[in-house]
Every structure is written in C-alpha cells, then in structure tokens.
Amino acid sequence: MKRNVQHVRFNELVPCRTAFVDTYNPGTEGKENFTIIGGGVSENSDQHVHIQETPGFNIGGAGQPAGCINSLHSHRTAEVFIIHTGSWRFFWGLKGDDGDVVLGPGDLISLPTHMFRGFENVTPISTTNENGYGFMFSVLGGDDSGGGVVWAPEVLEQARSNGLILIESGQLINTRNGETIPDGLLPVVPVTGDELSFYSRNTITDESKVVAPRPNNAIYCDTELIGRNSNALIGERPGFEVRRVQWGRGEDIPWYVPNMDVVLISNTGSVVLSNGKTLGSGDVAFIQAGEEKIDVKPLSEDVSELFIVTATDDPAGETRSLREDAP
C-alpha cells in the first residue's frame, strides 16, 4: 500500500510578519513566522498553515534579519530548534540573563517547558547576505502545541504601548487600526509575583545537556538526538524523537523510513526517496504511516543532512530531564 507523502518546498514557504503580540516592539522588525505542519502557536488568524494534519507535534520556522529578536516567552510543551542558516543566540531566564548560547547551521537545541526564552539572529552581514537573514526550523510537542504562548510581563506591557493587545481568546487587537476589545473578553494579564517563580524552576545550567552540535567531517552518521533511547544525546522524552542522518564523501548508505508517521527535514544538500520524491535543502516531507517500504539516500557527493521527527507515546508536556526530581 502506497504511503501518502506531502511536501512543503522551502522556496514556497509563506511567512506571517505579524504573528505575535511583540510585532511592533523595538528590535523585532523583519521577523517572519512559518507554520509548516499543524497550526502552531501563531496569534494571527491570517497565518498560513501549509499542512493542517499533525503527527503528534508541530513543525514551524523562524526567519529573521541580523539583529532581530524574538521576545522572551514560554511554552507548555517542548520546543526544539534546528538551525538551517545563519547564527543564532538563544538566551533564557526571567529577564533573559540566566545564560545564552550561540549556534550555527546543523546545530539543535531543546528548550524546557515553563521557562522564558528568546532568540536573536546574530548572523554577520556580508556581500552575499546583505541583511544577514537566517532561518531555523522548530518542533513543538503536542497536536495543539500546548495552548499557545506565555509572554514575559514586560513584553505584553511594551506591546500594549505599541498598539497590540493580546486577549484571553488568543486574538490580537490592533489599536493602531482602531480595533477594540470585544465585549465580554479581557486582555491577557501578565504573570506576576508568585506565579513568576513558576517560570524560574526550569532553567539551563549546562548547555551541553540541551545542545546537539553538528558533527564535523562525517562520512555517515545516524544519531538519535532526542528520545527515549538511553543513548540519545539529549536525555528528554518530550513526546517526540529527533534523529540526525548525515552523509558525506560520496557515501549513499540508505536510511529506511519506519512504518509510522514521519517528518523529514532536509537541512543540507538533497536527498531522494525510493518512491521517486526528492527533497532539496530546506524542504520538508510528511510521510504518513503505511506498509510501503521507503528508503532515503543523498543525491550528491556533498554533505547531506536530514532530521527525522517521529511521535512517541510519552506525554508532550513537562520537560523532565532538567528538573531536580527527574529520574
């Protein structure tokens, strides 16, 4: 039985530039949000969704020019980023000053739930990249991504002063355009006091436990980065698994797609599926479960890098590995 394969080509991705409440906040100019598989957590009903179905998690993307910041926020389910192009600085903590790390293409970072985090594109501007644009993929646990985003208090306060109000229904009210809050609805109240301490219990004290860097000079590697396997590089069980397959120096050892719902993210180079489909750099494929046997091989002698995401039956909630009581 043939398996249904849906593609999203990188050059056909449709961005939303007003996806979140911080759209008008200083430093966020030029931010683009993409929802590739599943509805994601966009607060703008105009956000384009490329593939509506979800395999137990959402795939999204962020594209930003150099110097552009994504404001401090928190999620109720796991958030994983895969760097596609550019250099990105991630920072975290109630004020964003608990720690930070800079990552580049092929690196992966998994950020715990219920922790404020933000990120900034720090790609150098060059003659070949005049605005330093960078792109990264995101994986959010759960079919509904855990009910949206919790913003740091100062983000909501600054947004209101700049004309955007987030109300409890998840809708953005743009007072710049004369919009008003509908009767019976209230604006989201910023977290304060004791509630803020809830967002300080999960933090990162050792970045090596949440970062999976790209291996150098790989001939062939197949590595579980996140998952239930005890050999996974990042010891989390966030409701999905992530693997990296990398080919180089002409190797074409096939990787076999398991008989389950699978998302393939072609990060570098091009790969070909045995059913004749090809994925170029930045392309995404959603392969639904079925009995058809499918394998994947690189198309050229250049380095090809593929990330594979599959759902697990673990709860897609609390990131357990960073808590003191984690097993």
C-alpha atoms as a PDB file:
ATOM      1  CA  MET A   1       0.000   0.000   0.000  1.00  0.00           C
ATOM      2  CA  LYS A   2       1.445   3.367  -1.024  1.00  0.00           C
ATOM      3  CA  ARG A   3       2.144   5.846   1.722  1.00  0.00           C
ATOM      4  CA  ASN A   4       0.814   9.372   1.451  1.00  0.00           C
ATOM      5  CA  VAL A   5       3.694  11.867   1.153  1.00  0.00           C
ATOM      6  CA  GLN A   6       3.063  15.608   1.460  1.00  0.00           C
ATOM      7  CA  HIS A   7       5.826  18.088   0.575  1.00  0.00           C
ATOM      8  CA  VAL A   8       6.493  21.665   1.564  1.00  0.00           C
ATOM      9  CA  ARG A   9       9.218  23.232  -0.545  1.00  0.00           C
ATOM     10  CA  PHE A  10      11.462  25.759   1.167  1.00  0.00           C
ATOM     11  CA  ASN A  11      11.115  28.290  -1.645  1.00  0.00           C
ATOM     12  CA  GLU A  12       7.321  28.083  -1.372  1.00  0.00           C
ATOM     13  CA  LEU A  13       7.042  28.783   2.371  1.00  0.00           C
ATOM     14  CA  VAL A  14       4.560  31.560   3.183  1.00  0.00           C
ATOM     15  CA  PRO A  15       5.570  33.824   6.088  1.00  0.00           C
ATOM     16  CA  CYS A  16       3.481  35.819   8.515  1.00  0.00           C
ATOM     17  CA  ARG A  17       5.156  39.049   9.633  1.00  0.00           C
ATOM     18  CA  THR A  18       2.564  39.959  12.275  1.00  0.00           C
ATOM     19  CA  ALA A  19       2.189  36.587  14.010  1.00  0.00           C
ATOM     20  CA  PHE A  20       2.664  37.636  17.637  1.00  0.00           C
ATOM     21  CA  VAL A  21       1.932  40.349  20.158  1.00  0.00           C
ATOM     22  CA  ASP A  22       5.529  41.646  20.073  1.00  0.00           C
ATOM     23  CA  THR A  23       5.303  42.529  16.363  1.00  0.00           C
ATOM     24  CA  TYR A  24       5.721  46.287  16.962  1.00  0.00           C
ATOM     25  CA  ASN A  25       8.167  46.066  19.848  1.00  0.00           C
ATOM     26  CA  PRO A  26      11.586  47.606  19.139  1.00  0.00           C
ATOM     27  CA  GLY A  27      14.131  45.091  17.859  1.00  0.00           C
ATOM     28  CA  THR A  28      11.592  42.702  16.315  1.00  0.00           C
ATOM     29  CA  GLU A  29      11.374  44.402  12.916  1.00  0.00           C
ATOM     30  CA  GLY A  30      11.505  41.975   9.986  1.00  0.00           C
ATOM     31  CA  LYS A  31      10.591  38.854  11.963  1.00  0.00           C
ATOM     32  CA  GLU A  32       8.886  36.122   9.930  1.00  0.00           C
ATOM     33  CA  ASN A  33       6.931  33.181  11.330  1.00  0.00           C
ATOM     34  CA  PHE A  34       6.082  29.992   9.416  1.00  0.00           C
ATOM     35  CA  THR A  35       3.655  27.195  10.261  1.00  0.00           C
ATOM     36  CA  ILE A  36       4.631  24.179   8.186  1.00  0.00           C
ATOM     37  CA  ILE A  37       2.823  21.237   9.805  1.00  0.00           C
ATOM     38  CA  GLY A  38      -0.003  21.893  12.257  1.00  0.00           C
ATOM     39  CA  GLY A  39      -1.430  25.215  13.393  1.00  0.00           C
ATOM     40  CA  GLY A  40       1.462  26.135  15.685  1.00  0.00           C
ATOM     41  CA  VAL A  41       1.041  28.954  18.182  1.00  0.00           C
ATOM     42  CA  SER A  42       0.554  31.987  15.941  1.00  0.00           C
ATOM     43  CA  GLU A  43      -1.718  34.663  17.436  1.00  0.00           C
ATOM     44  CA  ASN A  44      -2.751  35.942  13.991  1.00  0.00           C
ATOM     45  CA  SER A  45      -5.665  34.203  12.250  1.00  0.00           C
ATOM     46  CA  ASP A  46      -4.135  35.184   8.895  1.00  0.00           C
ATOM     47  CA  GLN A  47      -1.158  32.862   9.474  1.00  0.00           C
ATOM     48  CA  HIS A  48      -0.836  30.451   6.523  1.00  0.00           C
ATOM     49  CA  VAL A  49      -0.750  26.757   7.520  1.00  0.00           C
ATOM     50  CA  HIS A  50       0.900  24.556   4.883  1.00  0.00           C
ATOM     51  CA  ILE A  51      -0.197  21.127   6.187  1.00  0.00           C
ATOM     52  CA  GLN A  52      -3.102  21.033   8.626  1.00  0.00           C
ATOM     53  CA  GLU A  53      -2.683  17.460   9.910  1.00  0.00           C
ATOM     54  CA  THR A  54      -0.377  16.858  12.848  1.00  0.00           C
ATOM     55  CA  PRO A  55       1.520  13.645  13.647  1.00  0.00           C
ATOM     56  CA  GLY A  56       1.584  14.426  17.380  1.00  0.00           C
ATOM     57  CA  PHE A  57       3.781  17.522  17.060  1.00  0.00           C
ATOM     58  CA  ASN A  58       4.004  20.758  15.064  1.00  0.00           C
ATOM     59  CA  ILE A  59       6.718  21.878  12.650  1.00  0.00           C
ATOM     60  CA  GLY A  60       7.296  25.595  12.217  1.00  0.00           C
ATOM     61  CA  GLY A  61      10.014  28.000  11.230  1.00  0.00           C
ATOM     62  CA  ALA A  62      11.502  31.379  12.077  1.00  0.00           C
ATOM     63  CA  GLY A  63      13.232  33.692   9.634  1.00  0.00           C
ATOM     64  CA  GLN A  64      14.862  36.919  10.765  1.00  0.00           C
ATOM     65  CA  PRO A  65      17.366  39.518   9.567  1.00  0.00           C
ATOM     66  CA  ALA A  66      20.524  40.151  11.572  1.00  0.00           C
ATOM     67  CA  GLY A  67      19.852  41.910  14.870  1.00  0.00           C
ATOM     68  CA  CYS A  68      16.196  40.885  15.007  1.00  0.00           C
ATOM     69  CA  ILE A  69      14.986  39.490  18.347  1.00  0.00           C
ATOM     70  CA  ASN A  70      12.197  37.085  19.271  1.00  0.00           C
ATOM     71  CA  SER A  71      10.980  38.254  22.674  1.00  0.00           C
ATOM     72  CA  LEU A  72      11.031  36.314  25.953  1.00  0.00           C
ATOM     73  CA  HIS A  73       8.249  33.743  26.085  1.00  0.00           C
ATOM     74  CA  SER A  74       7.430  30.290  27.435  1.00  0.00           C
ATOM     75  CA  HIS A  75       5.685  27.171  26.120  1.00  0.00           C
ATOM     76  CA  ARG A  76       3.718  24.418  27.844  1.00  0.00           C
ATOM     77  CA  THR A  77       5.212  21.736  25.575  1.00  0.00           C
ATOM     78  CA  ALA A  78       8.757  21.047  24.411  1.00  0.00           C
ATOM     79  CA  GLU A  79      10.349  23.417  21.884  1.00  0.00           C
ATOM     80  CA  VAL A  80      13.235  22.251  19.718  1.00  0.00           C
ATOM     81  CA  PHE A  81      15.100  24.370  17.160  1.00  0.00           C
ATOM     82  CA  ILE A  82      17.151  23.089  14.220  1.00  0.00           C
ATOM     83  CA  ILE A  83      19.413  25.747  12.709  1.00  0.00           C
ATOM     84  CA  HIS A  84      19.142  25.862   8.920  1.00  0.00           C
ATOM     85  CA  THR A  85      21.093  29.014   8.044  1.00  0.00           C
ATOM     86  CA  GLY A  86      22.749  31.836   9.944  1.00  0.00           C
ATOM     87  CA  SER A  87      23.992  32.237  13.508  1.00  0.00           C
ATOM     88  CA  TRP A  88      21.517  32.409  16.388  1.00  0.00           C
ATOM     89  CA  ARG A  89      21.896  33.406  20.026  1.00  0.00           C
ATOM     90  CA  PHE A  90      19.462  31.794  22.461  1.00  0.00           C
ATOM     91  CA  PHE A  91      19.003  33.338  25.907  1.00  0.00           C
ATOM     92  CA  TRP A  92      16.819  32.395  28.866  1.00  0.00           C
ATOM     93  CA  GLY A  93      15.639  33.263  32.354  1.00  0.00           C
ATOM     94  CA  LEU A  94      13.020  35.579  33.868  1.00  0.00           C
ATOM     95  CA  LYS A  95      14.944  38.550  32.469  1.00  0.00           C
ATOM     96  CA  GLY A  96      16.786  36.653  29.750  1.00  0.00           C
ATOM     97  CA  ASP A  97      20.066  36.784  31.643  1.00  0.00           C
ATOM     98  CA  ASP A  98      20.360  33.270  33.150  1.00  0.00           C
ATOM     99  CA  GLY A  99      22.559  32.181  30.249  1.00  0.00           C
ATOM    100  CA  ASP A 100      22.959  32.113  26.487  1.00  0.00           C
ATOM    101  CA  VAL A 101      24.494  30.097  23.669  1.00  0.00           C
ATOM    102  CA  VAL A 102      25.263  30.842  20.001  1.00  0.00           C
ATOM    103  CA  LEU A 103      24.515  28.117  17.454  1.00  0.00           C
ATOM    104  CA  GLY A 104      25.074  27.649  13.732  1.00  0.00           C
ATOM    105  CA  PRO A 105      23.806  25.534  10.813  1.00  0.00           C
ATOM    106  CA  GLY A 106      23.087  21.912  11.719  1.00  0.00           C
ATOM    107  CA  ASP A 107      23.082  22.546  15.480  1.00  0.00           C
ATOM    108  CA  LEU A 108      19.991  21.618  17.528  1.00  0.00           C
ATOM    109  CA  ILE A 109      18.775  22.953  20.859  1.00  0.00           C
ATOM    110  CA  SER A 110      15.939  21.654  23.041  1.00  0.00           C
ATOM    111  CA  LEU A 111      14.423  24.194  25.432  1.00  0.00           C
ATOM    112  CA  PRO A 112      12.477  23.139  28.538  1.00  0.00           C
ATOM    113  CA  THR A 113       8.849  23.926  29.163  1.00  0.00           C
ATOM    114  CA  HIS A 114       7.720  26.670  31.553  1.00  0.00           C
ATOM    115  CA  MET A 115      10.900  28.708  31.101  1.00  0.00           C
ATOM    116  CA  PHE A 116      11.207  32.129  29.489  1.00  0.00           C
ATOM    117  CA  ARG A 117      13.431  32.046  26.442  1.00  0.00           C
ATOM    118  CA  GLY A 118      14.173  34.261  23.467  1.00  0.00           C
ATOM    119  CA  PHE A 119      16.469  34.275  20.487  1.00  0.00           C
ATOM    120  CA  GLU A 120      18.309  36.715  18.256  1.00  0.00           C
ATOM    121  CA  ASN A 121      19.762  36.380  14.784  1.00  0.00           C
ATOM    122  CA  VAL A 122      23.459  37.302  15.100  1.00  0.00           C
ATOM    123  CA  THR A 123      24.475  36.419  11.529  1.00  0.00           C
ATOM    124  CA  PRO A 124      27.228  38.706  10.186  1.00  0.00           C
ATOM    125  CA  ILE A 125      26.159  40.911   7.282  1.00  0.00           C
ATOM    126  CA  SER A 126      28.146  40.196   4.121  1.00  0.00           C
ATOM    127  CA  THR A 127      28.147  40.881   0.399  1.00  0.00           C
ATOM    128  CA  THR A 128      26.297  37.605  -0.163  1.00  0.00           C
ATOM    129  CA  ASN A 129      23.821  38.161   2.691  1.00  0.00           C
ATOM    130  CA  GLU A 130      23.152  41.877   2.813  1.00  0.00           C
ATOM    131  CA  ASN A 131      20.719  41.786   5.735  1.00  0.00           C
ATOM    132  CA  GLY A 132      22.165  38.725   7.486  1.00  0.00           C
ATOM    133  CA  TYR A 133      18.947  36.742   7.070  1.00  0.00           C
ATOM    134  CA  GLY A 134      18.839  33.383   8.858  1.00  0.00           C
ATOM    135  CA  PHE A 135      16.293  30.591   9.146  1.00  0.00           C
ATOM    136  CA  MET A 136      15.651  27.790  11.607  1.00  0.00           C
ATOM    137  CA  PHE A 137      13.061  25.047  11.969  1.00  0.00           C
ATOM    138  CA  SER A 138      11.093  24.463  15.161  1.00  0.00           C
ATOM    139  CA  VAL A 139       9.385  21.400  16.610  1.00  0.00           C
ATOM    140  CA  LEU A 140       6.648  21.922  19.212  1.00  0.00           C
ATOM    141  CA  GLY A 141       5.270  18.988  21.147  1.00  0.00           C
ATOM    142  CA  GLY A 142       1.584  18.105  21.059  1.00  0.00           C
ATOM    143  CA  ASP A 143      -1.093  18.364  18.384  1.00  0.00           C
ATOM    144  CA  ASP A 144      -2.224  21.762  19.671  1.00  0.00           C
ATOM    145  CA  SER A 145       1.194  22.961  20.887  1.00  0.00           C
ATOM    146  CA  GLY A 146       0.017  23.207  24.462  1.00  0.00           C
ATOM    147  CA  GLY A 147      -2.396  26.101  24.150  1.00  0.00           C
ATOM    148  CA  GLY A 148      -0.210  28.939  22.968  1.00  0.00           C
ATOM    149  CA  VAL A 149       2.499  31.218  24.316  1.00  0.00           C
ATOM    150  CA  VAL A 150       3.048  32.766  27.747  1.00  0.00           C
ATOM    151  CA  TRP A 151       4.886  36.078  27.369  1.00  0.00           C
ATOM    152  CA  ALA A 152       7.218  37.721  29.839  1.00  0.00           C
ATOM    153  CA  PRO A 153       5.364  40.599  31.580  1.00  0.00           C
ATOM    154  CA  GLU A 154       7.463  43.352  30.022  1.00  0.00           C
ATOM    155  CA  VAL A 155       6.743  42.028  26.524  1.00  0.00           C
ATOM    156  CA  LEU A 156       2.977  42.383  26.961  1.00  0.00           C
ATOM    157  CA  GLU A 157       3.340  45.797  28.583  1.00  0.00           C
ATOM    158  CA  GLN A 158       5.565  47.065  25.789  1.00  0.00           C
ATOM    159  CA  ALA A 159       3.229  45.609  23.158  1.00  0.00           C
ATOM    160  CA  ARG A 160       0.236  47.455  24.600  1.00  0.00           C
ATOM    161  CA  SER A 161       2.142  50.738  24.482  1.00  0.00           C
ATOM    162  CA  ASN A 162       2.944  49.996  20.831  1.00  0.00           C
ATOM    163  CA  GLY A 163      -0.650  49.253  19.845  1.00  0.00           C
ATOM    164  CA  LEU A 164      -1.115  45.492  20.205  1.00  0.00           C
ATOM    165  CA  ILE A 165      -3.183  43.769  22.910  1.00  0.00           C
ATOM    166  CA  LEU A 166      -3.469  40.007  23.344  1.00  0.00           C
ATOM    167  CA  ILE A 167      -6.847  38.946  24.704  1.00  0.00           C
ATOM    168  CA  GLU A 168      -7.774  35.747  26.536  1.00  0.00           C
ATOM    169  CA  SER A 169      -9.231  34.153  23.391  1.00  0.00           C
ATOM    170  CA  GLY A 170      -5.734  34.281  21.843  1.00  0.00           C
ATOM    171  CA  GLN A 171      -6.725  37.048  19.436  1.00  0.00           C
ATOM    172  CA  LEU A 172      -4.590  40.128  18.747  1.00  0.00           C
ATOM    173  CA  ILE A 173      -6.273  43.512  18.989  1.00  0.00           C
ATOM    174  CA  ASN A 174      -4.512  46.185  16.902  1.00  0.00           C
ATOM    175  CA  THR A 175      -5.405  49.563  18.395  1.00  0.00           C
ATOM    176  CA  ARG A 176      -3.293  51.226  15.697  1.00  0.00           C
ATOM    177  CA  ASN A 177      -6.012  50.177  13.260  1.00  0.00           C
ATOM    178  CA  GLY A 178      -8.834  51.313  15.526  1.00  0.00           C
ATOM    179  CA  GLU A 179      -9.669  47.834  16.819  1.00  0.00           C
ATOM    180  CA  THR A 180     -11.177  47.496  20.292  1.00  0.00           C
ATOM    181  CA  ILE A 181     -11.553  44.570  22.684  1.00  0.00           C
ATOM    182  CA  PRO A 182     -14.905  42.822  22.051  1.00  0.00           C
ATOM    183  CA  ASP A 183     -17.483  42.946  24.824  1.00  0.00           C
ATOM    184  CA  GLY A 184     -17.125  40.138  27.316  1.00  0.00           C
ATOM    185  CA  LEU A 185     -13.447  39.490  26.554  1.00  0.00           C
ATOM    186  CA  LEU A 186     -10.461  40.589  28.595  1.00  0.00           C
ATOM    187  CA  PRO A 187      -6.790  41.217  27.839  1.00  0.00           C
ATOM    188  CA  VAL A 188      -4.255  38.637  28.965  1.00  0.00           C
ATOM    189  CA  VAL A 189      -2.980  39.591  32.407  1.00  0.00           C
ATOM    190  CA  PRO A 190       0.837  39.464  32.708  1.00  0.00           C
ATOM    191  CA  VAL A 191       2.149  36.903  35.187  1.00  0.00           C
ATOM    192  CA  THR A 192       3.367  38.492  38.417  1.00  0.00           C
ATOM    193  CA  GLY A 193       4.543  37.693  41.918  1.00  0.00           C
ATOM    194  CA  ASP A 194       4.500  34.066  42.982  1.00  0.00           C
ATOM    195  CA  GLU A 195       3.360  32.995  39.520  1.00  0.00           C
ATOM    196  CA  LEU A 196       6.626  34.268  38.065  1.00  0.00           C
ATOM    197  CA  SER A 197       8.608  31.881  40.252  1.00  0.00           C
ATOM    198  CA  PHE A 198       6.939  29.008  38.385  1.00  0.00           C
ATOM    199  CA  TYR A 199       8.909  30.091  35.304  1.00  0.00           C
ATOM    200  CA  SER A 200      12.247  30.036  37.113  1.00  0.00           C
ATOM    201  CA  ARG A 201      12.227  26.392  38.218  1.00  0.00           C
ATOM    202  CA  ASN A 202      13.228  25.093  34.775  1.00  0.00           C
ATOM    203  CA  THR A 203      16.436  26.701  33.604  1.00  0.00           C
ATOM    204  CA  ILE A 204      19.595  25.640  31.811  1.00  0.00           C
ATOM    205  CA  THR A 205      22.746  25.302  33.895  1.00  0.00           C
ATOM    206  CA  ASP A 206      24.700  23.112  31.461  1.00  0.00           C
ATOM    207  CA  GLU A 207      24.160  23.896  27.789  1.00  0.00           C
ATOM    208  CA  SER A 208      25.755  20.595  26.743  1.00  0.00           C
ATOM    209  CA  LYS A 209      22.651  18.827  28.064  1.00  0.00           C
ATOM    210  CA  VAL A 210      20.325  20.664  25.656  1.00  0.00           C
ATOM    211  CA  VAL A 211      22.518  21.251  22.584  1.00  0.00           C
ATOM    212  CA  ALA A 212      23.350  18.660  19.920  1.00  0.00           C
ATOM    213  CA  PRO A 213      26.049  20.211  17.696  1.00  0.00           C
ATOM    214  CA  ARG A 214      26.537  19.165  14.095  1.00  0.00           C
ATOM    215  CA  PRO A 215      29.358  16.597  13.786  1.00  0.00           C
ATOM    216  CA  ASN A 216      32.291  17.607  11.599  1.00  0.00           C
ATOM    217  CA  ASN A 217      33.648  15.620   8.657  1.00  0.00           C
ATOM    218  CA  ALA A 218      31.063  12.866   8.963  1.00  0.00           C
ATOM    219  CA  ILE A 219      31.160  10.127   6.318  1.00  0.00           C
ATOM    220  CA  TYR A 220      27.887   8.652   7.540  1.00  0.00           C
ATOM    221  CA  CYS A 221      26.130   9.060  10.861  1.00  0.00           C
ATOM    222  CA  ASP A 222      22.726   8.095  12.204  1.00  0.00           C
ATOM    223  CA  THR A 223      22.261   9.541  15.672  1.00  0.00           C
ATOM    224  CA  GLU A 224      19.266   9.815  17.981  1.00  0.00           C
ATOM    225  CA  LEU A 225      19.393  13.345  19.350  1.00  0.00           C
ATOM    226  CA  ILE A 226      16.236  13.400  21.492  1.00  0.00           C
ATOM    227  CA  GLY A 227      14.166  10.434  22.583  1.00  0.00           C
ATOM    228  CA  ARG A 228      13.595   7.559  24.952  1.00  0.00           C
ATOM    229  CA  ASN A 229      16.725   5.651  23.973  1.00  0.00           C
ATOM    230  CA  SER A 230      19.350   5.793  26.699  1.00  0.00           C
ATOM    231  CA  ASN A 231      21.937   6.589  24.025  1.00  0.00           C
ATOM    232  CA  ALA A 232      20.155   9.755  22.866  1.00  0.00           C
ATOM    233  CA  LEU A 233      22.414  12.810  23.029  1.00  0.00           C
ATOM    234  CA  ILE A 234      19.753  14.840  24.861  1.00  0.00           C
ATOM    235  CA  GLY A 235      18.011  12.889  27.595  1.00  0.00           C
ATOM    236  CA  GLU A 236      14.465  14.136  27.168  1.00  0.00           C
ATOM    237  CA  ARG A 237      11.126  12.472  26.495  1.00  0.00           C
ATOM    238  CA  PRO A 238       9.092  15.382  25.107  1.00  0.00           C
ATOM    239  CA  GLY A 239       6.506  13.413  23.123  1.00  0.00           C
ATOM    240  CA  PHE A 240       8.654  13.037  20.004  1.00  0.00           C
ATOM    241  CA  GLU A 241      12.038  11.765  18.903  1.00  0.00           C
ATOM    242  CA  VAL A 242      14.563  13.519  16.660  1.00  0.00           C
ATOM    243  CA  ARG A 243      17.311  11.770  14.692  1.00  0.00           C
ATOM    244  CA  ARG A 244      20.075  13.190  12.532  1.00  0.00           C
ATOM    245  CA  VAL A 245      21.309  11.335   9.452  1.00  0.00           C
ATOM    246  CA  GLN A 246      24.326  12.816   7.704  1.00  0.00           C
ATOM    247  CA  TRP A 247      26.139  11.638   4.594  1.00  0.00           C
ATOM    248  CA  GLY A 248      29.456  12.840   3.187  1.00  0.00           C
ATOM    249  CA  ARG A 249      32.350  11.905   0.887  1.00  0.00           C
ATOM    250  CA  GLY A 250      30.130  10.105  -1.581  1.00  0.00           C
ATOM    251  CA  GLU A 251      28.552   7.648   0.849  1.00  0.00           C
ATOM    252  CA  ASP A 252      24.971   6.678  -0.046  1.00  0.00           C
ATOM    253  CA  ILE A 253      24.003   4.237   2.706  1.00  0.00           C
ATOM    254  CA  PRO A 254      20.170   4.262   2.748  1.00  0.00           C
ATOM    255  CA  TRP A 255      18.124   5.292   5.765  1.00  0.00           C
ATOM    256  CA  TYR A 256      14.854   3.366   5.994  1.00  0.00           C
ATOM    257  CA  VAL A 257      11.662   5.224   6.884  1.00  0.00           C
ATOM    258  CA  PRO A 258       9.825   3.380   9.693  1.00  0.00           C
ATOM    259  CA  ASN A 259       6.210   2.294   9.368  1.00  0.00           C
ATOM    260  CA  MET A 260       4.765   5.248  11.268  1.00  0.00           C
ATOM    261  CA  ASP A 261       4.022   8.923  10.707  1.00  0.00           C
ATOM    262  CA  VAL A 262       7.376  10.564   9.994  1.00  0.00           C
ATOM    263  CA  VAL A 263       8.520  14.112   9.203  1.00  0.00           C
ATOM    264  CA  LEU A 264      11.713  14.562   7.202  1.00  0.00           C
ATOM    265  CA  ILE A 265      13.535  17.907   7.257  1.00  0.00           C
ATOM    266  CA  SER A 266      16.248  18.142   4.610  1.00  0.00           C
ATOM    267  CA  ASN A 267      18.639  20.607   6.200  1.00  0.00           C
ATOM    268  CA  THR A 268      21.626  20.455   3.846  1.00  0.00           C
ATOM    269  CA  GLY A 269      22.082  19.051   0.359  1.00  0.00           C
ATOM    270  CA  SER A 270      19.473  16.966  -1.450  1.00  0.00           C
ATOM    271  CA  VAL A 271      18.062  13.513  -0.805  1.00  0.00           C
ATOM    272  CA  VAL A 272      15.935  11.167  -2.867  1.00  0.00           C
ATOM    273  CA  LEU A 273      13.252   8.801  -1.588  1.00  0.00           C
ATOM    274  CA  SER A 274      12.914   5.372  -3.154  1.00  0.00           C
ATOM    275  CA  ASN A 275       9.386   6.296  -4.268  1.00  0.00           C
ATOM    276  CA  GLY A 276      10.940   8.915  -6.565  1.00  0.00           C
ATOM    277  CA  LYS A 277      10.341  12.010  -4.448  1.00  0.00           C
ATOM    278  CA  THR A 278      13.265  14.377  -3.857  1.00  0.00           C
ATOM    279  CA  LEU A 279      13.911  16.874  -1.079  1.00  0.00           C
ATOM    280  CA  GLY A 280      16.224  19.829  -1.552  1.00  0.00           C
ATOM    281  CA  SER A 281      17.814  21.961   1.138  1.00  0.00           C
ATOM    282  CA  GLY A 282      15.119  23.282   3.481  1.00  0.00           C
ATOM    283  CA  ASP A 283      12.324  21.073   2.111  1.00  0.00           C
ATOM    284  CA  VAL A 284      10.009  19.199   4.487  1.00  0.00           C
ATOM    285  CA  ALA A 285       8.059  15.976   3.902  1.00  0.00           C
ATOM    286  CA  PHE A 286       5.276  14.467   5.992  1.00  0.00           C
ATOM    287  CA  ILE A 287       5.120  10.709   5.323  1.00  0.00           C
ATOM    288  CA  GLN A 288       2.090   9.048   6.824  1.00  0.00           C
ATOM    289  CA  ALA A 289       2.208   5.519   8.212  1.00  0.00           C
ATOM    290  CA  GLY A 290       1.806   2.645   5.757  1.00  0.00           C
ATOM    291  CA  GLU A 291       3.255  -0.620   4.539  1.00  0.00           C
ATOM    292  CA  GLU A 292       5.167   0.778   1.553  1.00  0.00           C
ATOM    293  CA  LYS A 293       8.906   0.436   2.110  1.00  0.00           C
ATOM    294  CA  ILE A 294      10.718   3.741   1.613  1.00  0.00           C
ATOM    295  CA  ASP A 295      14.409   4.499   1.942  1.00  0.00           C
ATOM    296  CA  VAL A 296      16.324   7.766   1.656  1.00  0.00           C
ATOM    297  CA  LYS A 297      19.700   8.419   0.007  1.00  0.00           C
ATOM    298  CA  PRO A 298      21.721  11.571  -0.725  1.00  0.00           C
ATOM    299  CA  LEU A 299      21.763  12.914  -4.266  1.00  0.00           C
ATOM    300  CA  SER A 300      25.281  14.321  -4.449  1.00  0.00           C
ATOM    301  CA  GLU A 301      28.752  13.853  -3.013  1.00  0.00           C
ATOM    302  CA  ASP A 302      28.344  16.996  -0.921  1.00  0.00           C
ATOM    303  CA  VAL A 303      27.316  16.712   2.734  1.00  0.00           C
ATOM    304  CA  SER A 304      23.611  15.920   3.056  1.00  0.00           C
ATOM    305  CA  GLU A 305      21.881  16.288   6.408  1.00  0.00           C
ATOM    306  CA  LEU A 306      18.426  15.010   7.262  1.00  0.00           C
ATOM    307  CA  PHE A 307      16.481  15.421  10.510  1.00  0.00           C
ATOM    308  CA  ILE A 308      13.766  12.865  11.226  1.00  0.00           C
ATOM    309  CA  VAL A 309      10.972  13.573  13.712  1.00  0.00           C
ATOM    310  CA  THR A 310       8.551  10.898  14.948  1.00  0.00           C
ATOM    311  CA  ALA A 311       5.922  10.998  17.678  1.00  0.00           C
ATOM    312  CA  THR A 312       6.193   8.859  20.809  1.00  0.00           C
ATOM    313  CA  ASP A 313       3.575   7.860  23.350  1.00  0.00           C
ATOM    314  CA  ASP A 314       5.240   9.948  26.059  1.00  0.00           C
ATOM    315  CA  PRO A 315       3.273  12.954  27.341  1.00  0.00           C
ATOM    316  CA  ALA A 316       4.063  16.058  25.301  1.00  0.00           C
ATOM    317  CA  GLY A 317       4.242  18.230  28.370  1.00  0.00           C
ATOM    318  CA  GLU A 318       6.753  18.909  31.096  1.00  0.00           C
ATOM    319  CA  THR A 319      10.377  18.556  30.057  1.00  0.00           C
ATOM    320  CA  ARG A 320      11.519  16.193  32.751  1.00  0.00           C
ATOM    321  CA  SER A 321      15.256  15.892  32.244  1.00  0.00           C
ATOM    322  CA  LEU A 322      16.064  19.378  33.560  1.00  0.00           C
ATOM    323  CA  ARG A 323      14.108  19.101  36.791  1.00  0.00           C
ATOM    324  CA  GLU A 324      15.871  18.177  40.014  1.00  0.00           C
ATOM    325  CA  ASP A 325      13.443  15.298  40.577  1.00  0.00           C
ATOM    326  CA  ALA A 326      13.979  13.845  37.098  1.00  0.00           C
ATOM    327  CA  PRO A 327      14.826  10.133  37.057  1.00  0.00           C
END
